[in-house]
N, C-alpha and C. Protein backbone atom coordinates (compact mmCIF):
# COMPACT_ATOMS: atom_id res chain seq x y z
N MET A 1 -23.04 5.09 2.00
CA MET A 1 -23.68 4.14 2.87
C MET A 1 -23.92 4.81 4.22
N SER A 2 -25.12 4.65 4.72
CA SER A 2 -25.47 5.31 5.98
C SER A 2 -24.91 4.53 7.16
N THR A 3 -24.88 5.21 8.28
CA THR A 3 -24.38 4.59 9.50
C THR A 3 -25.25 3.40 9.89
N LYS A 4 -26.56 3.52 9.68
CA LYS A 4 -27.48 2.43 10.03
C LYS A 4 -27.22 1.20 9.15
N ALA A 5 -26.98 1.42 7.88
CA ALA A 5 -26.70 0.31 6.96
C ALA A 5 -25.38 -0.37 7.32
N ILE A 6 -24.39 0.42 7.68
CA ILE A 6 -23.09 -0.14 8.08
C ILE A 6 -23.25 -0.96 9.36
N ALA A 7 -24.03 -0.46 10.31
CA ALA A 7 -24.26 -1.18 11.55
C ALA A 7 -24.98 -2.51 11.29
N GLN A 8 -25.94 -2.51 10.39
CA GLN A 8 -26.65 -3.74 10.05
C GLN A 8 -25.72 -4.74 9.36
N GLU A 9 -24.91 -4.25 8.45
CA GLU A 9 -23.95 -5.13 7.77
C GLU A 9 -22.94 -5.71 8.74
N LEU A 10 -22.47 -4.89 9.66
CA LEU A 10 -21.53 -5.35 10.68
C LEU A 10 -22.17 -6.43 11.56
N ALA A 11 -23.41 -6.23 11.93
CA ALA A 11 -24.11 -7.23 12.75
C ALA A 11 -24.25 -8.55 11.99
N ALA A 12 -24.53 -8.49 10.70
CA ALA A 12 -24.66 -9.70 9.89
C ALA A 12 -23.32 -10.42 9.78
N VAL A 13 -22.25 -9.66 9.61
CA VAL A 13 -20.92 -10.26 9.51
C VAL A 13 -20.54 -10.91 10.84
N ARG A 14 -20.87 -10.26 11.96
CA ARG A 14 -20.58 -10.84 13.27
C ARG A 14 -21.34 -12.15 13.47
N GLN A 15 -22.58 -12.21 13.01
CA GLN A 15 -23.36 -13.44 13.14
C GLN A 15 -22.74 -14.57 12.32
N ARG A 16 -22.34 -14.26 11.10
CA ARG A 16 -21.71 -15.28 10.26
C ARG A 16 -20.40 -15.75 10.86
N LEU A 17 -19.63 -14.83 11.40
CA LEU A 17 -18.36 -15.17 12.04
C LEU A 17 -18.60 -16.07 13.25
N ALA A 18 -19.59 -15.76 14.06
CA ALA A 18 -19.90 -16.59 15.22
C ALA A 18 -20.30 -18.00 14.79
N ALA A 19 -21.08 -18.11 13.72
CA ALA A 19 -21.49 -19.42 13.23
C ALA A 19 -20.28 -20.22 12.73
N LEU A 20 -19.37 -19.56 12.02
CA LEU A 20 -18.17 -20.23 11.53
C LEU A 20 -17.26 -20.67 12.68
N GLU A 21 -17.11 -19.82 13.67
CA GLU A 21 -16.27 -20.17 14.83
C GLU A 21 -16.87 -21.35 15.58
N ALA A 22 -18.20 -21.42 15.67
CA ALA A 22 -18.84 -22.55 16.34
C ALA A 22 -18.58 -23.84 15.57
N LYS A 23 -18.61 -23.79 14.25
CA LYS A 23 -18.34 -24.98 13.45
C LYS A 23 -16.90 -25.44 13.63
N VAL A 24 -15.98 -24.51 13.63
CA VAL A 24 -14.56 -24.84 13.73
C VAL A 24 -14.24 -25.41 15.12
N SER A 25 -14.78 -24.83 16.15
CA SER A 25 -14.45 -25.28 17.50
C SER A 25 -15.11 -26.61 17.83
N SER A 26 -16.15 -26.99 17.11
CA SER A 26 -16.82 -28.25 17.41
C SER A 26 -16.20 -29.44 16.66
N ALA A 27 -15.18 -29.19 15.86
CA ALA A 27 -14.54 -30.28 15.12
C ALA A 27 -13.90 -31.25 16.12
N SER A 28 -14.10 -32.54 15.91
CA SER A 28 -13.58 -33.53 16.84
C SER A 28 -12.08 -33.74 16.67
N LYS A 29 -11.55 -33.49 15.50
CA LYS A 29 -10.14 -33.71 15.23
C LYS A 29 -9.62 -32.53 14.41
N PRO A 30 -8.45 -32.01 14.75
CA PRO A 30 -7.92 -30.90 13.96
C PRO A 30 -7.77 -31.30 12.49
N ALA A 31 -8.07 -30.39 11.61
CA ALA A 31 -8.05 -30.68 10.18
C ALA A 31 -6.66 -31.13 9.73
N TRP A 32 -5.61 -30.50 10.22
CA TRP A 32 -4.26 -30.89 9.79
C TRP A 32 -3.97 -32.32 10.18
N GLN A 33 -4.47 -32.76 11.34
CA GLN A 33 -4.19 -34.12 11.78
C GLN A 33 -4.96 -35.13 10.93
N ALA A 34 -6.16 -34.77 10.52
CA ALA A 34 -6.93 -35.67 9.66
C ALA A 34 -6.25 -35.82 8.31
N ILE A 35 -5.61 -34.76 7.83
CA ILE A 35 -4.96 -34.80 6.52
C ILE A 35 -3.57 -35.44 6.61
N VAL A 36 -2.78 -35.00 7.56
CA VAL A 36 -1.39 -35.42 7.65
C VAL A 36 -1.23 -36.72 8.42
N GLY A 37 -1.94 -36.88 9.50
CA GLY A 37 -1.82 -38.07 10.33
C GLY A 37 -1.36 -37.72 11.71
N THR A 38 -0.56 -38.58 12.29
CA THR A 38 -0.12 -38.37 13.66
C THR A 38 1.23 -37.67 13.70
N ALA A 39 1.54 -37.14 14.84
CA ALA A 39 2.82 -36.47 15.03
C ALA A 39 3.81 -37.43 15.66
N LYS A 40 5.07 -37.19 15.44
CA LYS A 40 6.13 -38.02 16.00
C LYS A 40 6.01 -38.01 17.52
N GLY A 41 6.06 -39.19 18.11
CA GLY A 41 5.95 -39.29 19.56
C GLY A 41 4.52 -39.49 20.04
N ASP A 42 3.57 -39.38 19.16
CA ASP A 42 2.17 -39.59 19.51
C ASP A 42 1.95 -41.08 19.78
N ASP A 43 0.91 -41.41 20.53
CA ASP A 43 0.61 -42.82 20.83
C ASP A 43 0.44 -43.64 19.57
N LEU A 44 -0.28 -43.11 18.59
CA LEU A 44 -0.49 -43.83 17.34
C LEU A 44 0.81 -44.02 16.57
N ASP A 45 1.68 -43.03 16.63
CA ASP A 45 2.97 -43.12 15.96
C ASP A 45 3.82 -44.22 16.59
N ARG A 46 3.83 -44.27 17.90
CA ARG A 46 4.61 -45.32 18.59
C ARG A 46 4.06 -46.70 18.29
N GLU A 47 2.74 -46.83 18.25
CA GLU A 47 2.14 -48.12 17.94
C GLU A 47 2.46 -48.54 16.51
N ALA A 48 2.41 -47.61 15.58
CA ALA A 48 2.75 -47.92 14.19
C ALA A 48 4.22 -48.35 14.08
N ALA A 49 5.10 -47.69 14.80
CA ALA A 49 6.52 -48.06 14.78
C ALA A 49 6.72 -49.45 15.37
N ARG A 50 6.01 -49.76 16.44
CA ARG A 50 6.13 -51.07 17.08
C ARG A 50 5.65 -52.17 16.13
N LEU A 51 4.50 -51.97 15.52
CA LEU A 51 3.97 -52.97 14.60
C LEU A 51 4.87 -53.12 13.37
N GLY A 52 5.42 -52.02 12.89
CA GLY A 52 6.34 -52.08 11.76
C GLY A 52 7.60 -52.87 12.10
N SER A 53 8.09 -52.68 13.30
CA SER A 53 9.28 -53.41 13.75
C SER A 53 8.99 -54.91 13.82
N LEU A 54 7.84 -55.27 14.37
CA LEU A 54 7.47 -56.69 14.43
C LEU A 54 7.36 -57.30 13.04
N TRP A 55 6.76 -56.58 12.14
CA TRP A 55 6.59 -57.07 10.77
C TRP A 55 7.95 -57.28 10.10
N ARG A 56 8.86 -56.30 10.26
CA ARG A 56 10.18 -56.41 9.65
C ARG A 56 10.95 -57.60 10.22
N LYS A 57 10.85 -57.83 11.53
CA LYS A 57 11.54 -58.99 12.13
C LYS A 57 11.00 -60.29 11.55
N ARG A 58 9.69 -60.42 11.40
CA ARG A 58 9.12 -61.63 10.81
C ARG A 58 9.56 -61.81 9.37
N GLU A 59 9.56 -60.74 8.61
CA GLU A 59 9.96 -60.81 7.21
C GLU A 59 11.43 -61.19 7.08
N ASN A 60 12.28 -60.67 7.95
CA ASN A 60 13.71 -60.99 7.90
C ASN A 60 13.97 -62.44 8.27
N LYS A 61 13.18 -63.01 9.15
CA LYS A 61 13.35 -64.43 9.52
C LYS A 61 12.96 -65.35 8.38
N ARG A 62 12.00 -64.93 7.56
CA ARG A 62 11.54 -65.77 6.44
C ARG A 62 12.60 -65.88 5.36
N ARG A 63 13.48 -64.96 5.26
CA ARG A 63 14.48 -64.94 4.16
C ARG A 63 15.69 -65.71 4.49
């Protein structure tokens, strides 16, 4: 493979890498968070815990 061909291939790979990096950085939510959910201590986690506590108290009063 000639030096010119290697340089062209490298330029093509750099362009594809730049396009992939642009797609990844423009994601509105990290992929792991979309799959797993919220982290402990997060606002959504605290709200879910609060609502769960309210629900359990209501259910325990019914019994």
